[in-house]
PDB file of N, CA and C in Angstrom:
ATOM      1  N   MET A   1       2.733  19.933  25.964  1.00  0.00           N
ATOM      2  CA  MET A   1       1.635  19.648  25.066  1.00  0.00           C
ATOM      3  C   MET A   1       2.096  19.710  23.611  1.00  0.00           C
ATOM      4  N   MET A   2       2.769  20.781  23.251  1.00  0.00           N
ATOM      5  CA  MET A   2       3.232  20.916  21.863  1.00  0.00           C
ATOM      6  C   MET A   2       4.273  19.863  21.522  1.00  0.00           C
ATOM      7  N   SER A   3       5.106  19.501  22.484  1.00  0.00           N
ATOM      8  CA  SER A   3       6.125  18.496  22.205  1.00  0.00           C
ATOM      9  C   SER A   3       5.492  17.129  21.964  1.00  0.00           C
ATOM     10  N   THR A   4       4.395  16.840  22.646  1.00  0.00           N
ATOM     11  CA  THR A   4       3.691  15.579  22.435  1.00  0.00           C
ATOM     12  C   THR A   4       3.085  15.530  21.036  1.00  0.00           C
ATOM     13  N   VAL A   5       2.493  16.607  20.622  1.00  0.00           N
ATOM     14  CA  VAL A   5       1.912  16.689  19.280  1.00  0.00           C
ATOM     15  C   VAL A   5       3.013  16.588  18.227  1.00  0.00           C
ATOM     16  N   PHE A   6       4.124  17.250  18.471  1.00  0.00           N
ATOM     17  CA  PHE A   6       5.247  17.200  17.536  1.00  0.00           C
ATOM     18  C   PHE A   6       5.787  15.780  17.412  1.00  0.00           C
ATOM     19  N   VAL A   7       5.934  15.093  18.518  1.00  0.00           N
ATOM     20  CA  VAL A   7       6.434  13.708  18.492  1.00  0.00           C
ATOM     21  C   VAL A   7       5.438  12.807  17.760  1.00  0.00           C
ATOM     22  N   PHE A   8       4.160  12.966  18.048  1.00  0.00           N
ATOM     23  CA  PHE A   8       3.137  12.159  17.383  1.00  0.00           C
ATOM     24  C   PHE A   8       3.153  12.379  15.876  1.00  0.00           C
ATOM     25  N   LEU A   9       3.197  13.624  15.447  1.00  0.00           N
ATOM     26  CA  LEU A   9       3.234  13.916  14.018  1.00  0.00           C
ATOM     27  C   LEU A   9       4.519  13.424  13.361  1.00  0.00           C
ATOM     28  N   SER A  10       5.624  13.516  14.078  1.00  0.00           N
ATOM     29  CA  SER A  10       6.899  13.020  13.541  1.00  0.00           C
ATOM     30  C   SER A  10       6.852  11.510  13.335  1.00  0.00           C
ATOM     31  N   VAL A  11       6.310  10.805  14.291  1.00  0.00           N
ATOM     32  CA  VAL A  11       6.194   9.351  14.173  1.00  0.00           C
ATOM     33  C   VAL A  11       5.245   8.986  13.037  1.00  0.00           C
ATOM     34  N   LEU A  12       4.154   9.716  12.912  1.00  0.00           N
ATOM     35  CA  LEU A  12       3.192   9.461  11.848  1.00  0.00           C
ATOM     36  C   LEU A  12       3.809   9.695  10.467  1.00  0.00           C
ATOM     37  N   ILE A  13       4.553  10.760  10.310  1.00  0.00           N
ATOM     38  CA  ILE A  13       5.225  11.048   9.038  1.00  0.00           C
ATOM     39  C   ILE A  13       6.270   9.977   8.728  1.00  0.00           C
ATOM     40  N   LEU A  14       7.022   9.567   9.726  1.00  0.00           N
ATOM     41  CA  LEU A  14       8.009   8.499   9.536  1.00  0.00           C
ATOM     42  C   LEU A  14       7.314   7.204   9.125  1.00  0.00           C
ATOM     43  N   TYR A  15       6.197   6.909   9.753  1.00  0.00           N
ATOM     44  CA  TYR A  15       5.405   5.716   9.412  1.00  0.00           C
ATOM     45  C   TYR A  15       4.985   5.760   7.940  1.00  0.00           C
ATOM     46  N   TYR A  16       4.499   6.913   7.496  1.00  0.00           N
ATOM     47  CA  TYR A  16       4.081   7.033   6.105  1.00  0.00           C
ATOM     48  C   TYR A  16       5.260   6.935   5.144  1.00  0.00           C
ATOM     49  N   LEU A  17       6.383   7.521   5.498  1.00  0.00           N
ATOM     50  CA  LEU A  17       7.561   7.456   4.628  1.00  0.00           C
ATOM     51  C   LEU A  17       8.077   6.033   4.482  1.00  0.00           C
ATOM     52  N   ILE A  18       7.910   5.228   5.499  1.00  0.00           N
ATOM     53  CA  ILE A  18       8.311   3.824   5.406  1.00  0.00           C
ATOM     54  C   ILE A  18       7.263   3.019   4.640  1.00  0.00           C
ATOM     55  N   LEU A  19       6.003   3.329   4.848  1.00  0.00           N
ATOM     56  CA  LEU A  19       4.922   2.542   4.272  1.00  0.00           C
ATOM     57  C   LEU A  19       4.686   2.810   2.783  1.00  0.00           C
ATOM     58  N   ILE A  20       4.944   4.006   2.314  1.00  0.00           N
ATOM     59  CA  ILE A  20       4.673   4.342   0.911  1.00  0.00           C
ATOM     60  C   ILE A  20       5.432   3.436  -0.060  1.00  0.00           C
ATOM     61  N   PRO A  21       6.748   3.217   0.097  1.00  0.00           N
ATOM     62  CA  PRO A  21       7.425   2.306  -0.835  1.00  0.00           C
ATOM     63  C   PRO A  21       6.917   0.865  -0.748  1.00  0.00           C
ATOM     64  N   LEU A  22       6.535   0.431   0.438  1.00  0.00           N
ATOM     65  CA  LEU A  22       5.998  -0.923   0.579  1.00  0.00           C
ATOM     66  C   LEU A  22       4.663  -1.056  -0.141  1.00  0.00           C
ATOM     67  N   GLU A  23       3.812  -0.061   0.001  1.00  0.00           N
ATOM     68  CA  GLU A  23       2.524  -0.077  -0.688  1.00  0.00           C
ATOM     69  C   GLU A  23       2.709   0.010  -2.204  1.00  0.00           C
ATOM     70  N   TYR A  24       3.660   0.831  -2.626  1.00  0.00           N
ATOM     71  CA  TYR A  24       3.930   0.969  -4.064  1.00  0.00           C
ATOM     72  C   TYR A  24       4.375  -0.373  -4.637  1.00  0.00           C
ATOM     73  N   ARG A  25       5.283  -1.040  -3.941  1.00  0.00           N
ATOM     74  CA  ARG A  25       5.778  -2.332  -4.400  1.00  0.00           C
ATOM     75  C   ARG A  25       4.648  -3.362  -4.460  1.00  0.00           C
ATOM     76  N   SER A  26       3.785  -3.345  -3.471  1.00  0.00           N
ATOM     77  CA  SER A  26       2.651  -4.270  -3.443  1.00  0.00           C
ATOM     78  C   SER A  26       1.688  -3.982  -4.587  1.00  0.00           C
ATOM     79  N   LEU A  27       1.398  -2.720  -4.806  1.00  0.00           N
ATOM     80  CA  LEU A  27       0.511  -2.325  -5.901  1.00  0.00           C
ATOM     81  C   LEU A  27       1.104  -2.711  -7.249  1.00  0.00           C
ATOM     82  N   LYS A  28       2.386  -2.495  -7.414  1.00  0.00           N
ATOM     83  CA  LYS A  28       3.064  -2.838  -8.657  1.00  0.00           C
ATOM     84  C   LYS A  28       2.998  -4.344  -8.918  1.00  0.00           C
ATOM     85  N   GLU A  29       3.183  -5.132  -7.863  1.00  0.00           N
ATOM     86  CA  GLU A  29       3.131  -6.584  -7.995  1.00  0.00           C
ATOM     87  C   GLU A  29       1.727  -7.055  -8.378  1.00  0.00           C
ATOM     88  N   VAL A  30       0.713  -6.479  -7.756  1.00  0.00           N
ATOM     89  CA  VAL A  30      -0.668  -6.863  -8.074  1.00  0.00           C
ATOM     90  C   VAL A  30      -1.010  -6.467  -9.497  1.00  0.00           C
ATOM     91  N   ARG A  31      -0.608  -5.280  -9.917  1.00  0.00           N
ATOM     92  CA  ARG A  31      -0.896  -4.841 -11.296  1.00  0.00           C
ATOM     93  C   ARG A  31      -0.152  -5.699 -12.318  1.00  0.00           C
ATOM     94  N   MET A  32       1.086  -6.099 -11.999  1.00  0.00           N
ATOM     95  CA  MET A  32       1.845  -6.944 -12.914  1.00  0.00           C
ATOM     96  C   MET A  32       1.204  -8.321 -13.008  1.00  0.00           C
ATOM     97  N   GLU A  33       0.771  -8.851 -11.885  1.00  0.00           N
ATOM     98  CA  GLU A  33       0.094 -10.147 -11.877  1.00  0.00           C
ATOM     99  C   GLU A  33      -1.205 -10.071 -12.659  1.00  0.00           C
ATOM    100  N   TYR A  34      -1.921  -8.976 -12.515  1.00  0.00           N
ATOM    101  CA  TYR A  34      -3.176  -8.791 -13.239  1.00  0.00           C
ATOM    102  C   TYR A  34      -2.929  -8.706 -14.746  1.00  0.00           C
ATOM    103  N   SER A  35      -1.883  -8.007 -15.153  1.00  0.00           N
ATOM    104  CA  SER A  35      -1.622  -7.862 -16.588  1.00  0.00           C
ATOM    105  C   SER A  35      -1.152  -9.176 -17.207  1.00  0.00           C
ATOM    106  N   GLN A  36      -0.502 -10.045 -16.417  1.00  0.00           N
ATOM    107  CA  GLN A  36      -0.025 -11.319 -16.949  1.00  0.00           C
ATOM    108  C   GLN A  36      -1.122 -12.372 -17.001  1.00  0.00           C
ATOM    109  N   THR A  37      -1.956 -12.414 -15.970  1.00  0.00           N
ATOM    110  CA  THR A  37      -2.956 -13.477 -15.890  1.00  0.00           C
ATOM    111  C   THR A  37      -4.371 -13.004 -16.184  1.00  0.00           C
ATOM    112  N   GLY A  38      -4.606 -11.712 -16.079  1.00  0.00           N
ATOM    113  CA  GLY A  38      -5.947 -11.193 -16.283  1.00  0.00           C
ATOM    114  C   GLY A  38      -6.766 -11.175 -15.006  1.00  0.00           C
ATOM    115  N   THR A  39      -6.204 -11.714 -13.934  1.00  0.00           N
ATOM    116  CA  THR A  39      -6.885 -11.699 -12.637  1.00  0.00           C
ATOM    117  C   THR A  39      -5.875 -11.312 -11.573  1.00  0.00           C
ATOM    118  N   SER A  40      -6.373 -10.829 -10.447  1.00  0.00           N
ATOM    119  CA  SER A  40      -5.482 -10.522  -9.328  1.00  0.00           C
ATOM    120  C   SER A  40      -5.725 -11.520  -8.219  1.00  0.00           C
ATOM    121  N   HIS A  41      -4.777 -11.668  -7.337  1.00  0.00           N
ATOM    122  CA  HIS A  41      -4.917 -12.641  -6.251  1.00  0.00           C
ATOM    123  C   HIS A  41      -5.978 -12.218  -5.250  1.00  0.00           C
ATOM    124  N   ASP A  42      -6.419 -10.963  -5.304  1.00  0.00           N
ATOM    125  CA  ASP A  42      -7.444 -10.502  -4.369  1.00  0.00           C
ATOM    126  C   ASP A  42      -8.815 -11.057  -4.718  1.00  0.00           C
ATOM    127  N   THR A  43      -9.088 -11.214  -5.996  1.00  0.00           N
ATOM    128  CA  THR A  43     -10.426 -11.629  -6.395  1.00  0.00           C
ATOM    129  C   THR A  43     -10.499 -13.088  -6.818  1.00  0.00           C
ATOM    130  N   HIS A  44      -9.423 -13.648  -7.293  1.00  0.00           N
ATOM    131  CA  HIS A  44      -9.434 -15.025  -7.775  1.00  0.00           C
ATOM    132  C   HIS A  44      -8.199 -15.746  -7.270  1.00  0.00           C
ATOM    133  N   GLY A  45      -8.215 -17.039  -7.446  1.00  0.00           N
ATOM    134  CA  GLY A  45      -7.052 -17.815  -7.073  1.00  0.00           C
ATOM    135  C   GLY A  45      -7.060 -18.165  -5.594  1.00  0.00           C
ATOM    136  N   ASN A  46      -5.972 -18.758  -5.174  1.00  0.00           N
ATOM    137  CA  ASN A  46      -5.841 -19.191  -3.792  1.00  0.00           C
ATOM    138  C   ASN A  46      -4.521 -18.660  -3.245  1.00  0.00           C
ATOM    139  N   PRO A  47      -4.518 -17.435  -2.730  1.00  0.00           N
ATOM    140  CA  PRO A  47      -3.268 -16.874  -2.220  1.00  0.00           C
ATOM    141  C   PRO A  47      -2.818 -17.591  -0.948  1.00  0.00           C
ATOM    142  N   SER A  48      -1.550 -17.509  -0.658  1.00  0.00           N
ATOM    143  CA  SER A  48      -1.018 -18.138   0.543  1.00  0.00           C
ATOM    144  C   SER A  48      -1.583 -17.452   1.783  1.00  0.00           C
ATOM    145  N   PHE A  49      -1.454 -18.136   2.903  1.00  0.00           N
ATOM    146  CA  PHE A  49      -1.958 -17.585   4.166  1.00  0.00           C
ATOM    147  C   PHE A  49      -1.267 -16.274   4.494  1.00  0.00           C
ATOM    148  N   GLU A  50       0.042 -16.199   4.228  1.00  0.00           N
ATOM    149  CA  GLU A  50       0.792 -14.989   4.537  1.00  0.00           C
ATOM    150  C   GLU A  50       0.275 -13.799   3.729  1.00  0.00           C
ATOM    151  N   LYS A  51       0.019 -14.026   2.429  1.00  0.00           N
ATOM    152  CA  LYS A  51      -0.499 -12.940   1.591  1.00  0.00           C
ATOM    153  C   LYS A  51      -1.883 -12.504   2.045  1.00  0.00           C
ATOM    154  N   GLN A  52      -2.716 -13.465   2.415  1.00  0.00           N
ATOM    155  CA  GLN A  52      -4.050 -13.115   2.894  1.00  0.00           C
ATOM    156  C   GLN A  52      -3.980 -12.304   4.177  1.00  0.00           C
ATOM    157  N   LEU A  53      -3.105 -12.710   5.091  1.00  0.00           N
ATOM    158  CA  LEU A  53      -2.977 -12.002   6.357  1.00  0.00           C
ATOM    159  C   LEU A  53      -2.437 -10.589   6.158  1.00  0.00           C
ATOM    160  N   LEU A  54      -1.424 -10.436   5.307  1.00  0.00           N
ATOM    161  CA  LEU A  54      -0.883  -9.112   5.033  1.00  0.00           C
ATOM    162  C   LEU A  54      -1.926  -8.204   4.383  1.00  0.00           C
ATOM    163  N   GLU A  55      -2.663  -8.745   3.444  1.00  0.00           N
ATOM    164  CA  GLU A  55      -3.679  -7.943   2.759  1.00  0.00           C
ATOM    165  C   GLU A  55      -4.778  -7.516   3.726  1.00  0.00           C
ATOM    166  N   THR A  56      -5.179  -8.413   4.607  1.00  0.00           N
ATOM    167  CA  THR A  56      -6.207  -8.086   5.595  1.00  0.00           C
ATOM    168  C   THR A  56      -5.727  -7.003   6.544  1.00  0.00           C
ATOM    169  N   ASN A  57      -4.491  -7.101   6.993  1.00  0.00           N
ATOM    170  CA  ASN A  57      -3.948  -6.090   7.901  1.00  0.00           C
ATOM    171  C   ASN A  57      -3.817  -4.738   7.215  1.00  0.00           C
ATOM    172  N   LYS A  58      -3.415  -4.733   5.949  1.00  0.00           N
ATOM    173  CA  LYS A  58      -3.294  -3.463   5.230  1.00  0.00           C
ATOM    174  C   LYS A  58      -4.649  -2.806   5.037  1.00  0.00           C
ATOM    175  N   GLN A  59      -5.638  -3.606   4.673  1.00  0.00           N
ATOM    176  CA  GLN A  59      -6.944  -3.039   4.376  1.00  0.00           C
ATOM    177  C   GLN A  59      -7.713  -2.652   5.634  1.00  0.00           C
ATOM    178  N   GLY A  60      -7.387  -3.270   6.759  1.00  0.00           N
ATOM    179  CA  GLY A  60      -8.133  -3.017   7.970  1.00  0.00           C
ATOM    180  C   GLY A  60      -7.636  -1.861   8.799  1.00  0.00           C
ATOM    181  N   ASN A  61      -6.559  -1.213   8.405  1.00  0.00           N
ATOM    182  CA  ASN A  61      -5.978  -0.148   9.199  1.00  0.00           C
ATOM    183  C   ASN A  61      -6.224   1.191   8.516  1.00  0.00           C
ATOM    184  N   LEU A  62      -6.973   2.060   9.167  1.00  0.00           N
ATOM    185  CA  LEU A  62      -7.293   3.363   8.572  1.00  0.00           C
ATOM    186  C   LEU A  62      -6.072   4.285   8.492  1.00  0.00           C
ATOM    187  N   LEU A  63      -5.044   4.015   9.282  1.00  0.00           N
ATOM    188  CA  LEU A  63      -3.837   4.838   9.201  1.00  0.00           C
ATOM    189  C   LEU A  63      -3.100   4.626   7.881  1.00  0.00           C
ATOM    190  N   ASN A  64      -3.381   3.522   7.203  1.00  0.00           N
ATOM    191  CA  ASN A  64      -2.701   3.225   5.941  1.00  0.00           C
ATOM    192  C   ASN A  64      -3.310   3.949   4.747  1.00  0.00           C
ATOM    193  N   VAL A  65      -4.476   4.519   4.896  1.00  0.00           N
ATOM    194  CA  VAL A  65      -5.182   5.130   3.765  1.00  0.00           C
ATOM    195  C   VAL A  65      -4.362   6.237   3.087  1.00  0.00           C
ATOM    196  N   PRO A  66      -3.753   7.186   3.822  1.00  0.00           N
ATOM    197  CA  PRO A  66      -2.954   8.206   3.126  1.00  0.00           C
ATOM    198  C   PRO A  66      -1.751   7.613   2.384  1.00  0.00           C
ATOM    199  N   ALA A  67      -1.091   6.629   2.976  1.00  0.00           N
ATOM    200  CA  ALA A  67       0.064   6.017   2.314  1.00  0.00           C
ATOM    201  C   ALA A  67      -0.358   5.279   1.052  1.00  0.00           C
ATOM    202  N   VAL A  68      -1.479   4.587   1.109  1.00  0.00           N
ATOM    203  CA  VAL A  68      -1.986   3.877  -0.074  1.00  0.00           C
ATOM    204  C   VAL A  68      -2.381   4.869  -1.160  1.00  0.00           C
ATOM    205  N   ALA A  69      -3.029   5.961  -0.777  1.00  0.00           N
ATOM    206  CA  ALA A  69      -3.423   6.969  -1.757  1.00  0.00           C
ATOM    207  C   ALA A  69      -2.204   7.586  -2.437  1.00  0.00           C
ATOM    208  N   ILE A  70      -1.172   7.877  -1.673  1.00  0.00           N
ATOM    209  CA  ILE A  70       0.058   8.437  -2.257  1.00  0.00           C
ATOM    210  C   ILE A  70       0.729   7.420  -3.165  1.00  0.00           C
ATOM    211  N   ALA A  71       0.750   6.141  -2.740  1.00  0.00           N
ATOM    212  CA  ALA A  71       1.364   5.092  -3.566  1.00  0.00           C
ATOM    213  C   ALA A  71       0.613   4.927  -4.889  1.00  0.00           C
ATOM    214  N   VAL A  72      -0.711   4.978  -4.841  1.00  0.00           N
ATOM    215  CA  VAL A  72      -1.505   4.880  -6.067  1.00  0.00           C
ATOM    216  C   VAL A  72      -1.232   6.073  -6.968  1.00  0.00           C
ATOM    217  N   PHE A  73      -1.146   7.261  -6.390  1.00  0.00           N
ATOM    218  CA  PHE A  73      -0.853   8.468  -7.166  1.00  0.00           C
ATOM    219  C   PHE A  73       0.517   8.357  -7.841  1.00  0.00           C
ATOM    220  N   ILE A  74       1.520   7.892  -7.114  1.00  0.00           N
ATOM    221  CA  ILE A  74       2.871   7.731  -7.681  1.00  0.00           C
ATOM    222  C   ILE A  74       2.848   6.683  -8.788  1.00  0.00           C
ATOM    223  N   TYR A  75       2.146   5.577  -8.556  1.00  0.00           N
ATOM    224  CA  TYR A  75       2.075   4.521  -9.570  1.00  0.00           C
ATOM    225  C   TYR A  75       1.428   5.040 -10.851  1.00  0.00           C
ATOM    226  N   LYS A  76       0.317   5.745 -10.697  1.00  0.00           N
ATOM    227  CA  LYS A  76      -0.370   6.267 -11.885  1.00  0.00           C
ATOM    228  C   LYS A  76       0.461   7.324 -12.595  1.00  0.00           C
ATOM    229  N   ALA A  77       1.219   8.108 -11.856  1.00  0.00           N
ATOM    230  CA  ALA A  77       2.066   9.126 -12.477  1.00  0.00           C
ATOM    231  C   ALA A  77       3.214   8.472 -13.244  1.00  0.00           C
ATOM    232  N   ARG A  78       3.758   7.412 -12.722  1.00  0.00           N
ATOM    233  CA  ARG A  78       4.883   6.735 -13.394  1.00  0.00           C
ATOM    234  C   ARG A  78       4.431   5.878 -14.571  1.00  0.00           C
ATOM    235  N   HIS A  79       3.209   5.365 -14.521  1.00  0.00           N
ATOM    236  CA  HIS A  79       2.727   4.469 -15.567  1.00  0.00           C
ATOM    237  C   HIS A  79       1.561   5.100 -16.331  1.00  0.00           C
ATOM    238  N   ARG A  80       1.691   6.347 -16.631  1.00  0.00           N
ATOM    239  CA  ARG A  80       0.643   7.082 -17.324  1.00  0.00           C
ATOM    240  C   ARG A  80       0.385   6.557 -18.731  1.00  0.00           C
ATOM    241  N   ASP A  81       1.442   6.256 -19.457  1.00  0.00           N
ATOM    242  CA  ASP A  81       1.306   5.883 -20.861  1.00  0.00           C
ATOM    243  C   ASP A  81       0.987   4.416 -21.071  1.00  0.00           C
ATOM    244  N   THR A  82       1.070   3.586 -20.033  1.00  0.00           N
ATOM    245  CA  THR A  82       0.787   2.154 -20.216  1.00  0.00           C
ATOM    246  C   THR A  82      -0.582   1.783 -19.782  1.00  0.00           C
TER     247      THR A  82
END
């Protein structure tokens, strides 16, 4: 029983460690696009099918919420003065 819980938690932590840099990079790209154009691809424009599908999958998975929250926290900590 304990080994199953340990394996599950280990996989979950590994998942988050892989996902945090990906979310950070995505957030950075959206913020850079917003600062250059004044709009983001989420609210305006016509994003490619691949971007729409990736965004839908990211937003629809509740397991991604902690990784996204950590990525936002890291982004705000690094870009405090801007």
